[in-house]
Amino acid sequence: SNSAVYFEPDNLTSENKIYTKQKLVPIAE
């Protein structure tokens, strides 16, 4: 997936801090 992740200071990311692109580019994605 094409996503975005958010890291808080001194904390690891978790599932609710991952955004996955909803509108994919035709052909390329």
mmCIF file of all heavy atoms, coordinates in Angstrom:
data_MODEL
# 
_entry.id   MODEL 
# 
loop_
_atom_site.group_PDB 
_atom_site.id 
_atom_site.type_symbol 
_atom_site.label_atom_id 
_atom_site.label_alt_id 
_atom_site.label_comp_id 
_atom_site.label_asym_id 
_atom_site.label_entity_id 
_atom_site.label_seq_id 
_atom_site.pdbx_PDB_ins_code 
_atom_site.Cartn_x 
_atom_site.Cartn_y 
_atom_site.Cartn_z 
_atom_site.occupancy 
_atom_site.B_iso_or_equiv 
_atom_site.pdbx_formal_charge 
_atom_site.auth_seq_id 
_atom_site.auth_comp_id 
_atom_site.auth_asym_id 
_atom_site.auth_atom_id 
_atom_site.pdbx_PDB_model_num 
ATOM 1   N N   . SER A 1 1  ? 0.833   -1.199 0.000   1.00 0.00 ? 1  SER A N   1 
ATOM 2   C CA  . SER A 1 1  ? 0.000   0.000  0.000   1.00 0.00 ? 1  SER A CA  1 
ATOM 3   C C   . SER A 1 1  ? 0.870   1.252  0.000   1.00 0.00 ? 1  SER A C   1 
ATOM 4   O O   . SER A 1 1  ? 2.013   1.238  0.457   1.00 0.00 ? 1  SER A O   1 
ATOM 5   C CB  . SER A 1 1  ? -0.922  0.019  1.224   1.00 0.00 ? 1  SER A CB  1 
ATOM 6   O OG  . SER A 1 1  ? -0.150  0.122  2.417   1.00 0.00 ? 1  SER A OG  1 
ATOM 7   N N   . ASN A 1 2  ? 0.304   2.313  -0.518  1.00 0.00 ? 2  ASN A N   1 
ATOM 8   C CA  . ASN A 1 2  ? 0.915   3.639  -0.454  1.00 0.00 ? 2  ASN A CA  1 
ATOM 9   C C   . ASN A 1 2  ? 0.344   4.310  0.778   1.00 0.00 ? 2  ASN A C   1 
ATOM 10  O O   . ASN A 1 2  ? -0.844  4.647  0.815   1.00 0.00 ? 2  ASN A O   1 
ATOM 11  C CB  . ASN A 1 2  ? 0.590   4.429  -1.732  1.00 0.00 ? 2  ASN A CB  1 
ATOM 12  C CG  . ASN A 1 2  ? 1.359   5.738  -1.816  1.00 0.00 ? 2  ASN A CG  1 
ATOM 13  O OD1 . ASN A 1 2  ? 2.030   6.146  -0.878  1.00 0.00 ? 2  ASN A OD1 1 
ATOM 14  N ND2 . ASN A 1 2  ? 1.255   6.405  -2.953  1.00 0.00 ? 2  ASN A ND2 1 
ATOM 15  N N   . SER A 1 3  ? 1.170   4.514  1.790   1.00 0.00 ? 3  SER A N   1 
ATOM 16  C CA  . SER A 1 3  ? 0.669   4.922  3.099   1.00 0.00 ? 3  SER A CA  1 
ATOM 17  C C   . SER A 1 3  ? 1.425   6.122  3.646   1.00 0.00 ? 3  SER A C   1 
ATOM 18  O O   . SER A 1 3  ? 2.400   6.588  3.069   1.00 0.00 ? 3  SER A O   1 
ATOM 19  C CB  . SER A 1 3  ? 0.759   3.754  4.092   1.00 0.00 ? 3  SER A CB  1 
ATOM 20  O OG  . SER A 1 3  ? -0.008  2.652  3.657   1.00 0.00 ? 3  SER A OG  1 
ATOM 21  N N   . ALA A 1 4  ? 0.949   6.600  4.774   1.00 0.00 ? 4  ALA A N   1 
ATOM 22  C CA  . ALA A 1 4  ? 1.648   7.618  5.561   1.00 0.00 ? 4  ALA A CA  1 
ATOM 23  C C   . ALA A 1 4  ? 1.663   7.138  6.999   1.00 0.00 ? 4  ALA A C   1 
ATOM 24  O O   . ALA A 1 4  ? 0.680   6.562  7.480   1.00 0.00 ? 4  ALA A O   1 
ATOM 25  C CB  . ALA A 1 4  ? 0.951   8.969  5.446   1.00 0.00 ? 4  ALA A CB  1 
ATOM 26  N N   . VAL A 1 5  ? 2.778   7.347  7.684   1.00 0.00 ? 5  VAL A N   1 
ATOM 27  C CA  . VAL A 1 5  ? 2.910   6.884  9.063   1.00 0.00 ? 5  VAL A CA  1 
ATOM 28  C C   . VAL A 1 5  ? 3.269   8.053  9.969   1.00 0.00 ? 5  VAL A C   1 
ATOM 29  O O   . VAL A 1 5  ? 3.928   9.004  9.548   1.00 0.00 ? 5  VAL A O   1 
ATOM 30  C CB  . VAL A 1 5  ? 3.973   5.767  9.200   1.00 0.00 ? 5  VAL A CB  1 
ATOM 31  C CG1 . VAL A 1 5  ? 3.544   4.532  8.452   1.00 0.00 ? 5  VAL A CG1 1 
ATOM 32  C CG2 . VAL A 1 5  ? 5.330   6.242  8.686   1.00 0.00 ? 5  VAL A CG2 1 
ATOM 33  N N   . TYR A 1 6  ? 2.820   7.961  11.202  1.00 0.00 ? 6  TYR A N   1 
ATOM 34  C CA  . TYR A 1 6  ? 3.078   9.007  12.187  1.00 0.00 ? 6  TYR A CA  1 
ATOM 35  C C   . TYR A 1 6  ? 3.809   8.404  13.376  1.00 0.00 ? 6  TYR A C   1 
ATOM 36  O O   . TYR A 1 6  ? 3.359   7.429  13.969  1.00 0.00 ? 6  TYR A O   1 
ATOM 37  C CB  . TYR A 1 6  ? 1.762   9.644  12.634  1.00 0.00 ? 6  TYR A CB  1 
ATOM 38  C CG  . TYR A 1 6  ? 1.911   10.654 13.744  1.00 0.00 ? 6  TYR A CG  1 
ATOM 39  C CD1 . TYR A 1 6  ? 2.799   11.721 13.630  1.00 0.00 ? 6  TYR A CD1 1 
ATOM 40  C CD2 . TYR A 1 6  ? 1.165   10.541 14.921  1.00 0.00 ? 6  TYR A CD2 1 
ATOM 41  C CE1 . TYR A 1 6  ? 2.930   12.644 14.650  1.00 0.00 ? 6  TYR A CE1 1 
ATOM 42  C CE2 . TYR A 1 6  ? 1.281   11.465 15.940  1.00 0.00 ? 6  TYR A CE2 1 
ATOM 43  C CZ  . TYR A 1 6  ? 2.170   12.522 15.810  1.00 0.00 ? 6  TYR A CZ  1 
ATOM 44  O OH  . TYR A 1 6  ? 2.311   13.435 16.826  1.00 0.00 ? 6  TYR A OH  1 
ATOM 45  N N   . PHE A 1 7  ? 4.960   8.982  13.701  1.00 0.00 ? 7  PHE A N   1 
ATOM 46  C CA  . PHE A 1 7  ? 5.763   8.555  14.846  1.00 0.00 ? 7  PHE A CA  1 
ATOM 47  C C   . PHE A 1 7  ? 5.698   9.630  15.923  1.00 0.00 ? 7  PHE A C   1 
ATOM 48  O O   . PHE A 1 7  ? 5.987   10.801 15.658  1.00 0.00 ? 7  PHE A O   1 
ATOM 49  C CB  . PHE A 1 7  ? 7.234   8.375  14.465  1.00 0.00 ? 7  PHE A CB  1 
ATOM 50  C CG  . PHE A 1 7  ? 7.490   7.407  13.346  1.00 0.00 ? 7  PHE A CG  1 
ATOM 51  C CD1 . PHE A 1 7  ? 7.514   7.846  12.034  1.00 0.00 ? 7  PHE A CD1 1 
ATOM 52  C CD2 . PHE A 1 7  ? 7.737   6.070  13.601  1.00 0.00 ? 7  PHE A CD2 1 
ATOM 53  C CE1 . PHE A 1 7  ? 7.776   6.962  10.992  1.00 0.00 ? 7  PHE A CE1 1 
ATOM 54  C CE2 . PHE A 1 7  ? 7.993   5.181  12.569  1.00 0.00 ? 7  PHE A CE2 1 
ATOM 55  C CZ  . PHE A 1 7  ? 8.011   5.641  11.269  1.00 0.00 ? 7  PHE A CZ  1 
ATOM 56  N N   . GLU A 1 8  ? 5.331   9.228  17.127  1.00 0.00 ? 8  GLU A N   1 
ATOM 57  C CA  . GLU A 1 8  ? 5.387   10.146 18.256  1.00 0.00 ? 8  GLU A CA  1 
ATOM 58  C C   . GLU A 1 8  ? 6.756   10.035 18.919  1.00 0.00 ? 8  GLU A C   1 
ATOM 59  O O   . GLU A 1 8  ? 7.411   8.991  18.822  1.00 0.00 ? 8  GLU A O   1 
ATOM 60  C CB  . GLU A 1 8  ? 4.289   9.823  19.264  1.00 0.00 ? 8  GLU A CB  1 
ATOM 61  C CG  . GLU A 1 8  ? 2.891   10.072 18.738  1.00 0.00 ? 8  GLU A CG  1 
ATOM 62  C CD  . GLU A 1 8  ? 1.835   9.695  19.753  1.00 0.00 ? 8  GLU A CD  1 
ATOM 63  O OE1 . GLU A 1 8  ? 2.109   8.796  20.575  1.00 0.00 ? 8  GLU A OE1 1 
ATOM 64  O OE2 . GLU A 1 8  ? 0.750   10.286 19.713  1.00 0.00 ? 8  GLU A OE2 1 
ATOM 65  N N   . PRO A 1 9  ? 7.216   11.075 19.608  1.00 0.00 ? 9  PRO A N   1 
ATOM 66  C CA  . PRO A 1 9  ? 8.511   10.989 20.291  1.00 0.00 ? 9  PRO A CA  1 
ATOM 67  C C   . PRO A 1 9  ? 8.575   9.803  21.252  1.00 0.00 ? 9  PRO A C   1 
ATOM 68  O O   . PRO A 1 9  ? 7.688   9.602  22.072  1.00 0.00 ? 9  PRO A O   1 
ATOM 69  C CB  . PRO A 1 9  ? 8.587   12.320 21.053  1.00 0.00 ? 9  PRO A CB  1 
ATOM 70  C CG  . PRO A 1 9  ? 7.717   13.241 20.277  1.00 0.00 ? 9  PRO A CG  1 
ATOM 71  C CD  . PRO A 1 9  ? 6.595   12.390 19.752  1.00 0.00 ? 9  PRO A CD  1 
ATOM 72  N N   . ASP A 1 10 ? 9.639   9.009  21.079  1.00 0.00 ? 10 ASP A N   1 
ATOM 73  C CA  . ASP A 1 10 ? 9.908   7.864  21.958  1.00 0.00 ? 10 ASP A CA  1 
ATOM 74  C C   . ASP A 1 10 ? 8.804   6.807  21.947  1.00 0.00 ? 10 ASP A C   1 
ATOM 75  O O   . ASP A 1 10 ? 8.672   6.015  22.884  1.00 0.00 ? 10 ASP A O   1 
ATOM 76  C CB  . ASP A 1 10 ? 10.161  8.324  23.404  1.00 0.00 ? 10 ASP A CB  1 
ATOM 77  C CG  . ASP A 1 10 ? 11.374  9.213  23.502  1.00 0.00 ? 10 ASP A CG  1 
ATOM 78  O OD1 . ASP A 1 10 ? 12.377  8.913  22.831  1.00 0.00 ? 10 ASP A OD1 1 
ATOM 79  O OD2 . ASP A 1 10 ? 11.330  10.216 24.221  1.00 0.00 ? 10 ASP A OD2 1 
ATOM 80  N N   . ASN A 1 11 ? 8.020   6.782  20.884  1.00 0.00 ? 11 ASN A N   1 
ATOM 81  C CA  . ASN A 1 11 ? 6.978   5.763  20.753  1.00 0.00 ? 11 ASN A CA  1 
ATOM 82  C C   . ASN A 1 11 ? 7.023   5.173  19.361  1.00 0.00 ? 11 ASN A C   1 
ATOM 83  O O   . ASN A 1 11 ? 7.329   5.860  18.387  1.00 0.00 ? 11 ASN A O   1 
ATOM 84  C CB  . ASN A 1 11 ? 5.590   6.365  20.993  1.00 0.00 ? 11 ASN A CB  1 
ATOM 85  C CG  . ASN A 1 11 ? 5.273   6.465  22.470  1.00 0.00 ? 11 ASN A CG  1 
ATOM 86  O OD1 . ASN A 1 11 ? 5.187   5.463  23.167  1.00 0.00 ? 11 ASN A OD1 1 
ATOM 87  N ND2 . ASN A 1 11 ? 5.117   7.689  22.940  1.00 0.00 ? 11 ASN A ND2 1 
ATOM 88  N N   . LEU A 1 12 ? 6.729   3.901  19.254  1.00 0.00 ? 12 LEU A N   1 
ATOM 89  C CA  . LEU A 1 12 ? 6.647   3.259  17.942  1.00 0.00 ? 12 LEU A CA  1 
ATOM 90  C C   . LEU A 1 12 ? 5.258   3.467  17.368  1.00 0.00 ? 12 LEU A C   1 
ATOM 91  O O   . LEU A 1 12 ? 4.287   3.663  18.088  1.00 0.00 ? 12 LEU A O   1 
ATOM 92  C CB  . LEU A 1 12 ? 6.953   1.766  18.081  1.00 0.00 ? 12 LEU A CB  1 
ATOM 93  C CG  . LEU A 1 12 ? 8.324   1.424  18.660  1.00 0.00 ? 12 LEU A CG  1 
ATOM 94  C CD1 . LEU A 1 12 ? 8.500   -0.085 18.701  1.00 0.00 ? 12 LEU A CD1 1 
ATOM 95  C CD2 . LEU A 1 12 ? 9.432   2.060  17.819  1.00 0.00 ? 12 LEU A CD2 1 
ATOM 96  N N   . THR A 1 13 ? 5.186   3.415  16.060  1.00 0.00 ? 13 THR A N   1 
ATOM 97  C CA  . THR A 1 13 ? 3.898   3.591  15.425  1.00 0.00 ? 13 THR A CA  1 
ATOM 98  C C   . THR A 1 13 ? 2.998   2.381  15.680  1.00 0.00 ? 13 THR A C   1 
ATOM 99  O O   . THR A 1 13 ? 3.466   1.295  15.979  1.00 0.00 ? 13 THR A O   1 
ATOM 100 C CB  . THR A 1 13 ? 4.074   3.797  13.912  1.00 0.00 ? 13 THR A CB  1 
ATOM 101 O OG1 . THR A 1 13 ? 2.817   4.192  13.364  1.00 0.00 ? 13 THR A OG1 1 
ATOM 102 C CG2 . THR A 1 13 ? 4.522   2.544  13.212  1.00 0.00 ? 13 THR A CG2 1 
ATOM 103 N N   . SER A 1 14 ? 1.731   2.595  15.579  1.00 0.00 ? 14 SER A N   1 
ATOM 104 C CA  . SER A 1 14 ? 0.771   1.497  15.713  1.00 0.00 ? 14 SER A CA  1 
ATOM 105 C C   . SER A 1 14 ? -0.247  1.635  14.588  1.00 0.00 ? 14 SER A C   1 
ATOM 106 O O   . SER A 1 14 ? -0.230  2.588  13.822  1.00 0.00 ? 14 SER A O   1 
ATOM 107 C CB  . SER A 1 14 ? 0.086   1.533  17.080  1.00 0.00 ? 14 SER A CB  1 
ATOM 108 O OG  . SER A 1 14 ? -0.625  2.741  17.246  1.00 0.00 ? 14 SER A OG  1 
ATOM 109 N N   . GLU A 1 15 ? -1.146  0.678  14.503  1.00 0.00 ? 15 GLU A N   1 
ATOM 110 C CA  . GLU A 1 15 ? -2.018  0.608  13.345  1.00 0.00 ? 15 GLU A CA  1 
ATOM 111 C C   . GLU A 1 15 ? -2.857  1.863  13.153  1.00 0.00 ? 15 GLU A C   1 
ATOM 112 O O   . GLU A 1 15 ? -3.096  2.310  12.041  1.00 0.00 ? 15 GLU A O   1 
ATOM 113 C CB  . GLU A 1 15 ? -2.934  -0.617 13.474  1.00 0.00 ? 15 GLU A CB  1 
ATOM 114 C CG  . GLU A 1 15 ? -3.067  -1.371 12.169  1.00 0.00 ? 15 GLU A CG  1 
ATOM 115 C CD  . GLU A 1 15 ? -3.784  -2.687 12.353  1.00 0.00 ? 15 GLU A CD  1 
ATOM 116 O OE1 . GLU A 1 15 ? -3.131  -3.655 12.758  1.00 0.00 ? 15 GLU A OE1 1 
ATOM 117 O OE2 . GLU A 1 15 ? -4.993  -2.708 12.087  1.00 0.00 ? 15 GLU A OE2 1 
ATOM 118 N N   . ASN A 1 16 ? -3.306  2.478  14.255  1.00 0.00 ? 16 ASN A N   1 
ATOM 119 C CA  . ASN A 1 16 ? -4.154  3.646  14.107  1.00 0.00 ? 16 ASN A CA  1 
ATOM 120 C C   . ASN A 1 16 ? -3.354  4.890  13.734  1.00 0.00 ? 16 ASN A C   1 
ATOM 121 O O   . ASN A 1 16 ? -3.919  5.968  13.568  1.00 0.00 ? 16 ASN A O   1 
ATOM 122 C CB  . ASN A 1 16 ? -4.955  3.901  15.384  1.00 0.00 ? 16 ASN A CB  1 
ATOM 123 C CG  . ASN A 1 16 ? -4.070  4.248  16.570  1.00 0.00 ? 16 ASN A CG  1 
ATOM 124 O OD1 . ASN A 1 16 ? -2.872  4.020  16.548  1.00 0.00 ? 16 ASN A OD1 1 
ATOM 125 N ND2 . ASN A 1 16 ? -4.675  4.797  17.611  1.00 0.00 ? 16 ASN A ND2 1 
ATOM 126 N N   . LYS A 1 17 ? -2.032  4.758  13.605  1.00 0.00 ? 17 LYS A N   1 
ATOM 127 C CA  . LYS A 1 17 ? -1.207  5.883  13.169  1.00 0.00 ? 17 LYS A CA  1 
ATOM 128 C C   . LYS A 1 17 ? -0.694  5.668  11.750  1.00 0.00 ? 17 LYS A C   1 
ATOM 129 O O   . LYS A 1 17 ? 0.250   6.302  11.322  1.00 0.00 ? 17 LYS A O   1 
ATOM 130 C CB  . LYS A 1 17 ? -0.062  6.097  14.142  1.00 0.00 ? 17 LYS A CB  1 
ATOM 131 C CG  . LYS A 1 17 ? -0.554  6.575  15.506  1.00 0.00 ? 17 LYS A CG  1 
ATOM 132 C CD  . LYS A 1 17 ? 0.538   6.566  16.541  1.00 0.00 ? 17 LYS A CD  1 
ATOM 133 C CE  . LYS A 1 17 ? -0.055  6.834  17.924  1.00 0.00 ? 17 LYS A CE  1 
ATOM 134 N NZ  . LYS A 1 17 ? 0.911   6.558  18.987  1.00 0.00 ? 17 LYS A NZ  1 
ATOM 135 N N   . ILE A 1 18 ? -1.320  4.772  11.033  1.00 0.00 ? 18 ILE A N   1 
ATOM 136 C CA  . ILE A 1 18 ? -0.990  4.535  9.634   1.00 0.00 ? 18 ILE A CA  1 
ATOM 137 C C   . ILE A 1 18 ? -2.200  4.905  8.774   1.00 0.00 ? 18 ILE A C   1 
ATOM 138 O O   . ILE A 1 18 ? -3.318  4.454  9.024   1.00 0.00 ? 18 ILE A O   1 
ATOM 139 C CB  . ILE A 1 18 ? -0.612  3.065  9.388   1.00 0.00 ? 18 ILE A CB  1 
ATOM 140 C CG1 . ILE A 1 18 ? 0.638   2.693  10.189  1.00 0.00 ? 18 ILE A CG1 1 
ATOM 141 C CG2 . ILE A 1 18 ? -0.369  2.820  7.895   1.00 0.00 ? 18 ILE A CG2 1 
ATOM 142 C CD1 . ILE A 1 18 ? 1.010   1.229  10.084  1.00 0.00 ? 18 ILE A CD1 1 
ATOM 143 N N   . TYR A 1 19 ? -1.974  5.769  7.801   1.00 0.00 ? 19 TYR A N   1 
ATOM 144 C CA  . TYR A 1 19 ? -3.016  6.128  6.836   1.00 0.00 ? 19 TYR A CA  1 
ATOM 145 C C   . TYR A 1 19 ? -2.666  5.483  5.500   1.00 0.00 ? 19 TYR A C   1 
ATOM 146 O O   . TYR A 1 19 ? -1.525  5.555  5.044   1.00 0.00 ? 19 TYR A O   1 
ATOM 147 C CB  . TYR A 1 19 ? -3.095  7.644  6.659   1.00 0.00 ? 19 TYR A CB  1 
ATOM 148 C CG  . TYR A 1 19 ? -3.935  8.058  5.465   1.00 0.00 ? 19 TYR A CG  1 
ATOM 149 C CD1 . TYR A 1 19 ? -5.319  7.929  5.496   1.00 0.00 ? 19 TYR A CD1 1 
ATOM 150 C CD2 . TYR A 1 19 ? -3.332  8.551  4.312   1.00 0.00 ? 19 TYR A CD2 1 
ATOM 151 C CE1 . TYR A 1 19 ? -6.098  8.279  4.403   1.00 0.00 ? 19 TYR A CE1 1 
ATOM 152 C CE2 . TYR A 1 19 ? -4.100  8.917  3.210   1.00 0.00 ? 19 TYR A CE2 1 
ATOM 153 C CZ  . TYR A 1 19 ? -5.477  8.778  3.264   1.00 0.00 ? 19 TYR A CZ  1 
ATOM 154 O OH  . TYR A 1 19 ? -6.234  9.124  2.182   1.00 0.00 ? 19 TYR A OH  1 
ATOM 155 N N   . THR A 1 20 ? -3.642  4.863  4.877   1.00 0.00 ? 20 THR A N   1 
ATOM 156 C CA  . THR A 1 20 ? -3.444  4.231  3.572   1.00 0.00 ? 20 THR A CA  1 
ATOM 157 C C   . THR A 1 20 ? -4.206  5.002  2.511   1.00 0.00 ? 20 THR A C   1 
ATOM 158 O O   . THR A 1 20 ? -5.400  5.295  2.672   1.00 0.00 ? 20 THR A O   1 
ATOM 159 C CB  . THR A 1 20 ? -3.915  2.767  3.609   1.00 0.00 ? 20 THR A CB  1 
ATOM 160 O OG1 . THR A 1 20 ? -3.137  2.057  4.580   1.00 0.00 ? 20 THR A OG1 1 
ATOM 161 C CG2 . THR A 1 20 ? -3.717  2.112  2.254   1.00 0.00 ? 20 THR A CG2 1 
ATOM 162 N N   . LYS A 1 21 ? -3.511  5.336  1.436   1.00 0.00 ? 21 LYS A N   1 
ATOM 163 C CA  . LYS A 1 21 ? -4.089  6.133  0.353   1.00 0.00 ? 21 LYS A CA  1 
ATOM 164 C C   . LYS A 1 21 ? -5.382  5.498  -0.145  1.00 0.00 ? 21 LYS A C   1 
ATOM 165 O O   . LYS A 1 21 ? -5.437  4.304  -0.453  1.00 0.00 ? 21 LYS A O   1 
ATOM 166 C CB  . LYS A 1 21 ? -3.076  6.251  -0.785  1.00 0.00 ? 21 LYS A CB  1 
ATOM 167 C CG  . LYS A 1 21 ? -3.480  7.205  -1.894  1.00 0.00 ? 21 LYS A CG  1 
ATOM 168 C CD  . LYS A 1 21 ? -2.368  7.310  -2.933  1.00 0.00 ? 21 LYS A CD  1 
ATOM 169 C CE  . LYS A 1 21 ? -2.704  8.297  -4.030  1.00 0.00 ? 21 LYS A CE  1 
ATOM 170 N NZ  . LYS A 1 21 ? -1.634  8.362  -5.060  1.00 0.00 ? 21 LYS A NZ  1 
ATOM 171 N N   . GLN A 1 22 ? -6.439  6.317  -0.249  1.00 0.00 ? 22 GLN A N   1 
ATOM 172 C CA  . GLN A 1 22 ? -7.744  5.813  -0.649  1.00 0.00 ? 22 GLN A CA  1 
ATOM 173 C C   . GLN A 1 22 ? -7.962  5.869  -2.156  1.00 0.00 ? 22 GLN A C   1 
ATOM 174 O O   . GLN A 1 22 ? -8.533  4.960  -2.745  1.00 0.00 ? 22 GLN A O   1 
ATOM 175 C CB  . GLN A 1 22 ? -8.851  6.649  0.009   1.00 0.00 ? 22 GLN A CB  1 
ATOM 176 C CG  . GLN A 1 22 ? -8.754  6.764  1.519   1.00 0.00 ? 22 GLN A CG  1 
ATOM 177 C CD  . GLN A 1 22 ? -9.688  7.828  2.025   1.00 0.00 ? 22 GLN A CD  1 
ATOM 178 O OE1 . GLN A 1 22 ? -10.916 7.667  1.982   1.00 0.00 ? 22 GLN A OE1 1 
ATOM 179 N NE2 . GLN A 1 22 ? -9.147  8.935  2.500   1.00 0.00 ? 22 GLN A NE2 1 
ATOM 180 N N   . LYS A 1 23 ? -7.525  6.963  -2.768  1.00 0.00 ? 23 LYS A N   1 
ATOM 181 C CA  . LYS A 1 23 ? -7.798  7.189  -4.185  1.00 0.00 ? 23 LYS A CA  1 
ATOM 182 C C   . LYS A 1 23 ? -6.518  6.926  -4.968  1.00 0.00 ? 23 LYS A C   1 
ATOM 183 O O   . LYS A 1 23 ? -5.614  7.757  -5.020  1.00 0.00 ? 23 LYS A O   1 
ATOM 184 C CB  . LYS A 1 23 ? -8.292  8.614  -4.414  1.00 0.00 ? 23 LYS A CB  1 
ATOM 185 C CG  . LYS A 1 23 ? -9.034  8.776  -5.720  1.00 0.00 ? 23 LYS A CG  1 
ATOM 186 C CD  . LYS A 1 23 ? -9.793  10.094 -5.753  1.00 0.00 ? 23 LYS A CD  1 
ATOM 187 C CE  . LYS A 1 23 ? -10.699 10.197 -6.952  1.00 0.00 ? 23 LYS A CE  1 
ATOM 188 N NZ  . LYS A 1 23 ? -11.839 9.262  -6.917  1.00 0.00 ? 23 LYS A NZ  1 
ATOM 189 N N   . LEU A 1 24 ? -6.451  5.744  -5.557  1.00 0.00 ? 24 LEU A N   1 
ATOM 190 C CA  . LEU A 1 24 ? -5.239  5.320  -6.252  1.00 0.00 ? 24 LEU A CA  1 
ATOM 191 C C   . LEU A 1 24 ? -5.219  5.841  -7.681  1.00 0.00 ? 24 LEU A C   1 
ATOM 192 O O   . LEU A 1 24 ? -6.256  6.013  -8.319  1.00 0.00 ? 24 LEU A O   1 
ATOM 193 C CB  . LEU A 1 24 ? -5.143  3.793  -6.243  1.00 0.00 ? 24 LEU A CB  1 
ATOM 194 C CG  . LEU A 1 24 ? -5.176  3.128  -4.857  1.00 0.00 ? 24 LEU A CG  1 
ATOM 195 C CD1 . LEU A 1 24 ? -5.009  1.622  -4.987  1.00 0.00 ? 24 LEU A CD1 1 
ATOM 196 C CD2 . LEU A 1 24 ? -4.097  3.702  -3.940  1.00 0.00 ? 24 LEU A CD2 1 
ATOM 197 N N   . VAL A 1 25 ? -4.011  6.076  -8.182  1.00 0.00 ? 25 VAL A N   1 
ATOM 198 C CA  . VAL A 1 25 ? -3.836  6.595  -9.537  1.00 0.00 ? 25 VAL A CA  1 
ATOM 199 C C   . VAL A 1 25 ? -4.100  5.465  -10.540 1.00 0.00 ? 25 VAL A C   1 
ATOM 200 O O   . VAL A 1 25 ? -3.471  4.405  -10.459 1.00 0.00 ? 25 VAL A O   1 
ATOM 201 C CB  . VAL A 1 25 ? -2.415  7.142  -9.737  1.00 0.00 ? 25 VAL A CB  1 
ATOM 202 C CG1 . VAL A 1 25 ? -2.227  7.645  -11.169 1.00 0.00 ? 25 VAL A CG1 1 
ATOM 203 C CG2 . VAL A 1 25 ? -2.126  8.250  -8.725  1.00 0.00 ? 25 VAL A CG2 1 
ATOM 204 N N   . PRO A 1 26 ? -5.020  5.662  -11.481 1.00 0.00 ? 26 PRO A N   1 
ATOM 205 C CA  . PRO A 1 26 ? -5.271  4.616  -12.485 1.00 0.00 ? 26 PRO A CA  1 
ATOM 206 C C   . PRO A 1 26 ? -4.006  4.243  -13.248 1.00 0.00 ? 26 PRO A C   1 
ATOM 207 O O   . PRO A 1 26 ? -3.174  5.095  -13.543 1.00 0.00 ? 26 PRO A O   1 
ATOM 208 C CB  . PRO A 1 26 ? -6.312  5.268  -13.415 1.00 0.00 ? 26 PRO A CB  1 
ATOM 209 C CG  . PRO A 1 26 ? -6.968  6.310  -12.574 1.00 0.00 ? 26 PRO A CG  1 
ATOM 210 C CD  . PRO A 1 26 ? -5.907  6.822  -11.651 1.00 0.00 ? 26 PRO A CD  1 
ATOM 211 N N   . ILE A 1 27 ? -3.844  2.978  -13.530 1.00 0.00 ? 27 ILE A N   1 
ATOM 212 C CA  . ILE A 1 27 ? -2.711  2.382  -14.239 1.00 0.00 ? 27 ILE A CA  1 
ATOM 213 C C   . ILE A 1 27 ? -1.475  2.319  -13.354 1.00 0.00 ? 27 ILE A C   1 
ATOM 214 O O   . ILE A 1 27 ? -0.918  1.248  -13.111 1.00 0.00 ? 27 ILE A O   1 
ATOM 215 C CB  . ILE A 1 27 ? -2.381  3.111  -15.564 1.00 0.00 ? 27 ILE A CB  1 
ATOM 216 C CG1 . ILE A 1 27 ? -3.649  3.249  -16.421 1.00 0.00 ? 27 ILE A CG1 1 
ATOM 217 C CG2 . ILE A 1 27 ? -1.281  2.356  -16.300 1.00 0.00 ? 27 ILE A CG2 1 
ATOM 218 C CD1 . ILE A 1 27 ? -4.299  1.941  -16.770 1.00 0.00 ? 27 ILE A CD1 1 
ATOM 219 N N   . ALA A 1 28 ? -1.029  3.457  -12.835 1.00 0.00 ? 28 ALA A N   1 
ATOM 220 C CA  . ALA A 1 28 ? 0.194   3.472  -12.028 1.00 0.00 ? 28 ALA A CA  1 
ATOM 221 C C   . ALA A 1 28 ? 0.020   2.738  -10.703 1.00 0.00 ? 28 ALA A C   1 
ATOM 222 O O   . ALA A 1 28 ? 0.929   2.051  -10.233 1.00 0.00 ? 28 ALA A O   1 
ATOM 223 C CB  . ALA A 1 28 ? 0.647   4.899  -11.774 1.00 0.00 ? 28 ALA A CB  1 
ATOM 224 N N   . GLU A 1 29 ? -1.172  2.877  -10.075 1.00 0.00 ? 29 GLU A N   1 
ATOM 225 C CA  . GLU A 1 29 ? -1.385  2.272  -8.762  1.00 0.00 ? 29 GLU A CA  1 
ATOM 226 C C   . GLU A 1 29 ? -2.510  1.235  -8.750  1.00 0.00 ? 29 GLU A C   1 
ATOM 227 O O   . GLU A 1 29 ? -2.515  0.365  -7.875  1.00 0.00 ? 29 GLU A O   1 
ATOM 228 C CB  . GLU A 1 29 ? -1.677  3.361  -7.726  1.00 0.00 ? 29 GLU A CB  1 
ATOM 229 C CG  . GLU A 1 29 ? -0.479  4.251  -7.425  1.00 0.00 ? 29 GLU A CG  1 
ATOM 230 C CD  . GLU A 1 29 ? -0.762  5.288  -6.371  1.00 0.00 ? 29 GLU A CD  1 
ATOM 231 O OE1 . GLU A 1 29 ? -1.924  5.758  -6.273  1.00 0.00 ? 29 GLU A OE1 1 
ATOM 232 O OE2 . GLU A 1 29 ? 0.173   5.656  -5.640  1.00 0.00 ? 29 GLU A OE2 1 
# 
